[in-house]
Amino acid sequence: MELPVEVVIHNTQLGMKGGHGRLLRICPEGYYEVIIALGENNHRALLPVAGSVLIVKAPEDRGTETVEVER
């Protein structure tokens, strides 16, 4: 995944459900560095990996690959 990338943010501590932002980097110390749109302004924030879910806005290209499930 190339950074920065536009993401949808879910974070329990902030009560965010579907907030819009931009992922700048994933830090080895256990947090995401993001730009979050709050109102009409953008703010830089550090979100803990353990309490956050980030979903890339752009869908993945399915291509022609098939997935085999081992049973």
Protein backbone atom coordinates (compact mmCIF):
# COMPACT_ATOMS: atom_id res chain seq x y z
CA MET A 1 0.00 0.00 0.00
CA GLU A 2 1.38 3.36 -0.97
CA LEU A 3 1.10 6.20 1.52
CA PRO A 4 -0.46 8.70 1.95
CA VAL A 5 -3.86 7.17 1.19
CA GLU A 6 -7.47 8.28 1.80
CA VAL A 7 -9.16 6.17 4.49
CA VAL A 8 -12.38 5.74 6.43
CA ILE A 9 -11.68 5.75 10.17
CA HIS A 10 -13.45 3.88 12.98
CA ASN A 11 -12.08 4.60 16.46
CA THR A 12 -13.82 3.65 19.73
CA GLN A 13 -11.99 6.19 21.90
CA LEU A 14 -13.03 9.14 19.72
CA GLY A 15 -16.43 7.72 18.90
CA MET A 16 -15.62 7.91 15.18
CA LYS A 17 -17.72 5.73 12.90
CA GLY A 18 -16.89 6.35 9.29
CA GLY A 19 -14.79 9.49 9.72
CA HIS A 20 -12.80 10.62 6.71
CA GLY A 21 -9.06 11.07 6.78
CA ARG A 22 -5.69 10.45 5.18
CA LEU A 23 -3.24 7.85 6.49
CA LEU A 24 0.26 9.32 6.48
CA ARG A 25 2.23 6.50 8.10
CA ILE A 26 2.03 3.42 10.29
CA CYS A 27 4.48 3.76 13.17
CA PRO A 28 6.24 0.73 14.68
CA GLU A 29 5.42 2.11 18.15
CA GLY A 30 1.78 1.08 17.60
CA TYR A 31 -0.08 4.03 16.18
CA TYR A 32 -1.34 5.46 12.90
CA GLU A 33 -0.44 9.03 11.94
CA VAL A 34 -3.47 10.48 10.16
CA ILE A 35 -4.98 13.73 9.01
CA ILE A 36 -8.60 13.85 10.22
CA ALA A 37 -11.26 16.15 8.83
CA LEU A 38 -13.07 17.70 11.82
CA GLY A 39 -15.64 20.26 10.78
CA GLU A 40 -14.09 22.51 8.16
CA ASN A 41 -10.51 21.98 9.39
CA ASN A 42 -7.94 19.20 9.07
CA HIS A 43 -6.02 18.00 12.13
CA ARG A 44 -3.02 15.70 12.50
CA ALA A 45 -3.69 12.90 14.99
CA LEU A 46 -2.05 9.77 16.34
CA LEU A 47 -4.50 6.88 16.65
CA PRO A 48 -3.64 3.66 18.48
CA VAL A 49 -3.57 0.62 16.21
CA ALA A 50 -5.26 -1.46 18.94
CA GLY A 51 -8.40 0.72 19.05
CA SER A 52 -8.73 1.79 15.43
CA VAL A 53 -9.89 0.38 12.13
CA LEU A 54 -8.80 2.07 8.90
CA ILE A 55 -10.39 1.14 5.59
CA VAL A 56 -8.83 2.34 2.34
CA LYS A 57 -11.46 4.25 0.35
CA ALA A 58 -10.34 2.99 -3.07
CA PRO A 59 -11.56 -0.55 -3.75
CA GLU A 60 -9.05 -3.29 -4.56
CA ASP A 61 -8.78 -4.44 -8.16
CA ARG A 62 -10.03 -8.01 -8.19
CA GLY A 63 -8.09 -8.89 -11.32
CA THR A 64 -8.27 -12.38 -12.75
CA GLU A 65 -6.82 -14.26 -9.77
CA THR A 66 -8.85 -16.98 -8.13
CA VAL A 67 -8.63 -17.87 -4.48
CA GLU A 68 -8.45 -21.50 -3.45
CA VAL A 69 -9.73 -22.45 -0.03
CA GLU A 70 -8.00 -25.39 1.62
CA ARG A 71 -10.45 -27.70 3.38
